[in-house]
Structure formats: structure tokens, C-alpha cells
PDB file of N, CA and C in Angstrom:
ATOM      1  N   MET A   1      66.759 111.294  82.752  1.00  0.00           N
ATOM      2  CA  MET A   1      67.993 110.526  82.898  1.00  0.00           C
ATOM      3  C   MET A   1      69.144 111.297  82.254  1.00  0.00           C
ATOM      4  N   THR A   2      70.237 111.427  82.974  1.00  0.00           N
ATOM      5  CA  THR A   2      71.369 112.179  82.452  1.00  0.00           C
ATOM      6  C   THR A   2      72.173 111.333  81.479  1.00  0.00           C
ATOM      7  N   GLU A   3      72.982 112.007  80.669  1.00  0.00           N
ATOM      8  CA  GLU A   3      73.804 111.320  79.677  1.00  0.00           C
ATOM      9  C   GLU A   3      74.819 110.379  80.326  1.00  0.00           C
ATOM     10  N   SER A   4      75.299 110.734  81.517  1.00  0.00           N
ATOM     11  CA  SER A   4      76.347 109.943  82.161  1.00  0.00           C
ATOM     12  C   SER A   4      75.815 108.652  82.784  1.00  0.00           C
ATOM     13  N   ALA A   5      74.518 108.585  83.004  1.00  0.00           N
ATOM     14  CA  ALA A   5      73.948 107.378  83.607  1.00  0.00           C
ATOM     15  C   ALA A   5      73.909 106.250  82.579  1.00  0.00           C
ATOM     16  N   PRO A   6      74.252 105.017  83.012  1.00  0.00           N
ATOM     17  CA  PRO A   6      74.197 103.904  82.060  1.00  0.00           C
ATOM     18  C   PRO A   6      72.757 103.617  81.665  1.00  0.00           C
ATOM     19  N   SER A   7      72.554 103.280  80.398  1.00  0.00           N
ATOM     20  CA  SER A   7      71.199 102.953  79.970  1.00  0.00           C
ATOM     21  C   SER A   7      70.828 101.580  80.506  1.00  0.00           C
ATOM     22  N   VAL A   8      69.544 101.293  80.536  1.00  0.00           N
ATOM     23  CA  VAL A   8      69.095  99.991  81.018  1.00  0.00           C
ATOM     24  C   VAL A   8      69.676  98.893  80.128  1.00  0.00           C
ATOM     25  N   GLN A   9      69.737  99.144  78.813  1.00  0.00           N
ATOM     26  CA  GLN A   9      70.304  98.153  77.897  1.00  0.00           C
ATOM     27  C   GLN A   9      71.766  97.875  78.228  1.00  0.00           C
ATOM     28  N   GLU A  10      72.539  98.943  78.504  1.00  0.00           N
ATOM     29  CA  GLU A  10      73.949  98.767  78.857  1.00  0.00           C
ATOM     30  C   GLU A  10      74.073  97.976  80.150  1.00  0.00           C
ATOM     31  N   LEU A  11      73.211  98.291  81.118  1.00  0.00           N
ATOM     32  CA  LEU A  11      73.241  97.604  82.409  1.00  0.00           C
ATOM     33  C   LEU A  11      72.937  96.122  82.226  1.00  0.00           C
ATOM     34  N   ILE A  12      71.905  95.823  81.435  1.00  0.00           N
ATOM     35  CA  ILE A  12      71.535  94.430  81.194  1.00  0.00           C
ATOM     36  C   ILE A  12      72.663  93.692  80.487  1.00  0.00           C
ATOM     37  N   LYS A  13      73.293  94.345  79.494  1.00  0.00           N
ATOM     38  CA  LYS A  13      74.406  93.711  78.782  1.00  0.00           C
ATOM     39  C   LYS A  13      75.563  93.451  79.739  1.00  0.00           C
ATOM     40  N   SER A  14      75.854  94.408  80.596  1.00  0.00           N
ATOM     41  CA  SER A  14      76.940  94.258  81.562  1.00  0.00           C
ATOM     42  C   SER A  14      76.671  93.079  82.487  1.00  0.00           C
ATOM     43  N   ILE A  15      75.443  92.992  82.985  1.00  0.00           N
ATOM     44  CA  ILE A  15      75.077  91.881  83.868  1.00  0.00           C
ATOM     45  C   ILE A  15      75.143  90.561  83.099  1.00  0.00           C
ATOM     46  N   SER A  16      74.650  90.557  81.869  1.00  0.00           N
ATOM     47  CA  SER A  16      74.680  89.345  81.052  1.00  0.00           C
ATOM     48  C   SER A  16      76.114  88.884  80.833  1.00  0.00           C
ATOM     49  N   ASP A  17      77.021  89.851  80.567  1.00  0.00           N
ATOM     50  CA  ASP A  17      78.429  89.518  80.368  1.00  0.00           C
ATOM     51  C   ASP A  17      79.019  88.903  81.632  1.00  0.00           C
ATOM     52  N   LYS A  18      78.678  89.478  82.781  1.00  0.00           N
ATOM     53  CA  LYS A  18      79.185  88.942  84.053  1.00  0.00           C
ATOM     54  C   LYS A  18      78.666  87.523  84.274  1.00  0.00           C
ATOM     55  N   LEU A  19      77.401  87.292  83.960  1.00  0.00           N
ATOM     56  CA  LEU A  19      76.817  85.964  84.137  1.00  0.00           C
ATOM     57  C   LEU A  19      77.429  84.963  83.160  1.00  0.00           C
ATOM     58  N   ALA A  20      77.607  85.390  81.923  1.00  0.00           N
ATOM     59  CA  ALA A  20      78.160  84.500  80.906  1.00  0.00           C
ATOM     60  C   ALA A  20      79.584  84.079  81.259  1.00  0.00           C
ATOM     61  N   ALA A  21      80.291  84.942  81.985  1.00  0.00           N
ATOM     62  CA  ALA A  21      81.670  84.646  82.360  1.00  0.00           C
ATOM     63  C   ALA A  21      81.742  83.617  83.482  1.00  0.00           C
ATOM     64  N   ASN A  22      80.618  83.339  84.114  1.00  0.00           N
ATOM     65  CA  ASN A  22      80.621  82.406  85.242  1.00  0.00           C
ATOM     66  C   ASN A  22      79.611  81.285  85.005  1.00  0.00           C
ATOM     67  N   ARG A  23      80.029  80.277  84.249  1.00  0.00           N
ATOM     68  CA  ARG A  23      79.117  79.193  83.866  1.00  0.00           C
ATOM     69  C   ARG A  23      78.638  78.381  85.066  1.00  0.00           C
ATOM     70  N   GLU A  24      79.461  78.288  86.084  1.00  0.00           N
ATOM     71  CA  GLU A  24      79.055  77.540  87.280  1.00  0.00           C
ATOM     72  C   GLU A  24      77.860  78.217  87.937  1.00  0.00           C
ATOM     73  N   LEU A  25      77.901  79.553  87.986  1.00  0.00           N
ATOM     74  CA  LEU A  25      76.803  80.309  88.575  1.00  0.00           C
ATOM     75  C   LEU A  25      75.520  80.087  87.772  1.00  0.00           C
ATOM     76  N   ILE A  26      75.640  80.096  86.449  1.00  0.00           N
ATOM     77  CA  ILE A  26      74.476  79.870  85.592  1.00  0.00           C
ATOM     78  C   ILE A  26      73.891  78.479  85.850  1.00  0.00           C
ATOM     79  N   ALA A  27      74.763  77.485  85.977  1.00  0.00           N
ATOM     80  CA  ALA A  27      74.300  76.119  86.234  1.00  0.00           C
ATOM     81  C   ALA A  27      73.541  76.052  87.560  1.00  0.00           C
ATOM     82  N   LYS A  28      74.060  76.721  88.573  1.00  0.00           N
ATOM     83  CA  LYS A  28      73.386  76.733  89.873  1.00  0.00           C
ATOM     84  C   LYS A  28      72.028  77.419  89.768  1.00  0.00           C
ATOM     85  N   ALA A  29      71.978  78.521  89.027  1.00  0.00           N
ATOM     86  CA  ALA A  29      70.723  79.255  88.879  1.00  0.00           C
ATOM     87  C   ALA A  29      69.676  78.382  88.181  1.00  0.00           C
ATOM     88  N   LYS A  30      70.099  77.665  87.139  1.00  0.00           N
ATOM     89  CA  LYS A  30      69.172  76.808  86.398  1.00  0.00           C
ATOM     90  C   LYS A  30      68.649  75.667  87.258  1.00  0.00           C
ATOM     91  N   SER A  31      69.481  75.187  88.173  1.00  0.00           N
ATOM     92  CA  SER A  31      69.058  74.074  89.025  1.00  0.00           C
ATOM     93  C   SER A  31      68.362  74.565  90.290  1.00  0.00           C
ATOM     94  N   GLY A  32      68.207  75.880  90.407  1.00  0.00           N
ATOM     95  CA  GLY A  32      67.496  76.436  91.549  1.00  0.00           C
ATOM     96  C   GLY A  32      68.315  76.495  92.829  1.00  0.00           C
ATOM     97  N   ARG A  33      69.632  76.351  92.714  1.00  0.00           N
ATOM     98  CA  ARG A  33      70.479  76.357  93.903  1.00  0.00           C
ATOM     99  C   ARG A  33      71.268  77.657  94.042  1.00  0.00           C
ATOM    100  N   LEU A  34      70.856  78.684  93.336  1.00  0.00           N
ATOM    101  CA  LEU A  34      71.561  79.967  93.406  1.00  0.00           C
ATOM    102  C   LEU A  34      71.424  80.551  94.808  1.00  0.00           C
ATOM    103  N   ASP A  35      72.545  80.939  95.371  1.00  0.00           N
ATOM    104  CA  ASP A  35      72.572  81.503  96.722  1.00  0.00           C
ATOM    105  C   ASP A  35      71.802  82.824  96.745  1.00  0.00           C
ATOM    106  N   TRP A  36      70.834  82.944  97.631  1.00  0.00           N
ATOM    107  CA  TRP A  36      70.030  84.171  97.708  1.00  0.00           C
ATOM    108  C   TRP A  36      70.912  85.372  98.014  1.00  0.00           C
ATOM    109  N   ARG A  37      72.031  85.142  98.707  1.00  0.00           N
ATOM    110  CA  ARG A  37      72.914  86.269  99.032  1.00  0.00           C
ATOM    111  C   ARG A  37      73.512  86.873  97.771  1.00  0.00           C
ATOM    112  N   TRP A  38      73.757  86.018  96.767  1.00  0.00           N
ATOM    113  CA  TRP A  38      74.282  86.551  95.507  1.00  0.00           C
ATOM    114  C   TRP A  38      73.228  87.440  94.851  1.00  0.00           C
ATOM    115  N   ASP A  39      71.963  87.009  94.934  1.00  0.00           N
ATOM    116  CA  ASP A  39      70.848  87.810  94.426  1.00  0.00           C
ATOM    117  C   ASP A  39      70.844  89.186  95.067  1.00  0.00           C
ATOM    118  N   LYS A  40      71.052  89.227  96.385  1.00  0.00           N
ATOM    119  CA  LYS A  40      71.057  90.502  97.103  1.00  0.00           C
ATOM    120  C   LYS A  40      72.216  91.375  96.652  1.00  0.00           C
ATOM    121  N   LYS A  41      73.369  90.756  96.401  1.00  0.00           N
ATOM    122  CA  LYS A  41      74.531  91.522  95.931  1.00  0.00           C
ATOM    123  C   LYS A  41      74.228  92.156  94.576  1.00  0.00           C
ATOM    124  N   LEU A  42      73.611  91.370  93.689  1.00  0.00           N
ATOM    125  CA  LEU A  42      73.271  91.883  92.363  1.00  0.00           C
ATOM    126  C   LEU A  42      72.272  93.027  92.482  1.00  0.00           C
ATOM    127  N   GLU A  43      71.290  92.848  93.370  1.00  0.00           N
ATOM    128  CA  GLU A  43      70.277  93.879  93.577  1.00  0.00           C
ATOM    129  C   GLU A  43      70.922  95.174  94.068  1.00  0.00           C
ATOM    130  N   ARG A  44      71.867  95.046  95.010  1.00  0.00           N
ATOM    131  CA  ARG A  44      72.561  96.233  95.521  1.00  0.00           C
ATOM    132  C   ARG A  44      73.395  96.882  94.427  1.00  0.00           C
ATOM    133  N   TRP A  45      74.024  96.053  93.581  1.00  0.00           N
ATOM    134  CA  TRP A  45      74.854  96.573  92.498  1.00  0.00           C
ATOM    135  C   TRP A  45      73.989  97.371  91.521  1.00  0.00           C
ATOM    136  N   ILE A  46      72.825  96.816  91.185  1.00  0.00           N
ATOM    137  CA  ILE A  46      71.901  97.518  90.293  1.00  0.00           C
ATOM    138  C   ILE A  46      71.467  98.840  90.926  1.00  0.00           C
ATOM    139  N   SER A  47      71.098  98.796  92.203  1.00  0.00           N
ATOM    140  CA  SER A  47      70.639  99.998  92.902  1.00  0.00           C
ATOM    141  C   SER A  47      71.727 101.062  92.969  1.00  0.00           C
ATOM    142  N   LYS A  48      72.964 100.619  93.168  1.00  0.00           N
ATOM    143  CA  LYS A  48      74.087 101.555  93.283  1.00  0.00           C
ATOM    144  C   LYS A  48      74.297 102.325  91.984  1.00  0.00           C
ATOM    145  N   TYR A  49      74.264 101.608  90.854  1.00  0.00           N
ATOM    146  CA  TYR A  49      74.553 102.254  89.578  1.00  0.00           C
ATOM    147  C   TYR A  49      73.342 102.865  88.895  1.00  0.00           C
ATOM    148  N   THR A  50      72.163 102.385  89.217  1.00  0.00           N
ATOM    149  CA  THR A  50      70.947 102.956  88.629  1.00  0.00           C
ATOM    150  C   THR A  50      69.881 103.077  89.705  1.00  0.00           C
ATOM    151  N   PRO A  51      69.909 104.174  90.448  1.00  0.00           N
ATOM    152  CA  PRO A  51      68.942 104.373  91.534  1.00  0.00           C
ATOM    153  C   PRO A  51      67.490 104.253  91.073  1.00  0.00           C
ATOM    154  N   ASN A  52      67.229 104.580  89.811  1.00  0.00           N
ATOM    155  CA  ASN A  52      65.853 104.545  89.311  1.00  0.00           C
ATOM    156  C   ASN A  52      65.562 103.278  88.513  1.00  0.00           C
ATOM    157  N   PHE A  53      66.351 102.224  88.747  1.00  0.00           N
ATOM    158  CA  PHE A  53      66.194 101.002  87.951  1.00  0.00           C
ATOM    159  C   PHE A  53      64.772 100.455  88.012  1.00  0.00           C
ATOM    160  N   ARG A  54      64.203 100.385  89.206  1.00  0.00           N
ATOM    161  CA  ARG A  54      62.839  99.859  89.321  1.00  0.00           C
ATOM    162  C   ARG A  54      61.841 100.772  88.611  1.00  0.00           C
ATOM    163  N   LEU A  55      62.091 102.055  88.668  1.00  0.00           N
ATOM    164  CA  LEU A  55      61.234 103.006  87.972  1.00  0.00           C
ATOM    165  C   LEU A  55      61.291 102.743  86.470  1.00  0.00           C
ATOM    166  N   HIS A  56      62.511 102.524  85.935  1.00  0.00           N
ATOM    167  CA  HIS A  56      62.650 102.240  84.512  1.00  0.00           C
ATOM    168  C   HIS A  56      61.912 100.954  84.155  1.00  0.00           C
ATOM    169  N   GLN A  57      62.013  99.945  85.010  1.00  0.00           N
ATOM    170  CA  GLN A  57      61.321  98.684  84.743  1.00  0.00           C
ATOM    171  C   GLN A  57      59.814  98.897  84.696  1.00  0.00           C
ATOM    172  N   THR A  58      59.315  99.763  85.576  1.00  0.00           N
ATOM    173  CA  THR A  58      57.887 100.034  85.632  1.00  0.00           C
ATOM    174  C   THR A  58      57.422 100.760  84.372  1.00  0.00           C
ATOM    175  N   ILE A  59      58.234 101.704  83.904  1.00  0.00           N
ATOM    176  CA  ILE A  59      57.869 102.503  82.732  1.00  0.00           C
ATOM    177  C   ILE A  59      57.825 101.645  81.472  1.00  0.00           C
ATOM    178  N   HIS A  60      58.829 100.761  81.302  1.00  0.00           N
ATOM    179  CA  HIS A  60      58.913 100.008  80.047  1.00  0.00           C
ATOM    180  C   HIS A  60      57.984  98.817  80.041  1.00  0.00           C
TER     181      HIS A  60
END
């Protein structure tokens, strides 16, 4: 992993910050009404910034 790539911890914090900023989204997720399309957007965002994200998850 290169120095310029965001660490998994930074990525998780960034996502957590985005989620914390949107309490309505959190409420929907807790009630099981989260739009699957939003899930896909998040997945694409993760893939875009960390191509090896799944690999990192597998390693840790």
C-alpha cells in the first residue's frame, strides 16, 4: 500500500463521519428501511478510493 492511499482506519472514520452527519439515514438503517441503492453508492465510493478494500478486510 502506498503512502498516498487512505488507510482503512481513515476510510472508516470518513464513512462514520458522513453517517453521523445524517441522522435520518442512520434511523432508516436501524429500522431496516435503508435504500439498497445507497448501499451500492457507498460500495462504489469505497471501491473508487480503495481498490483493495476487500483484500484489506480479508487480511485483517
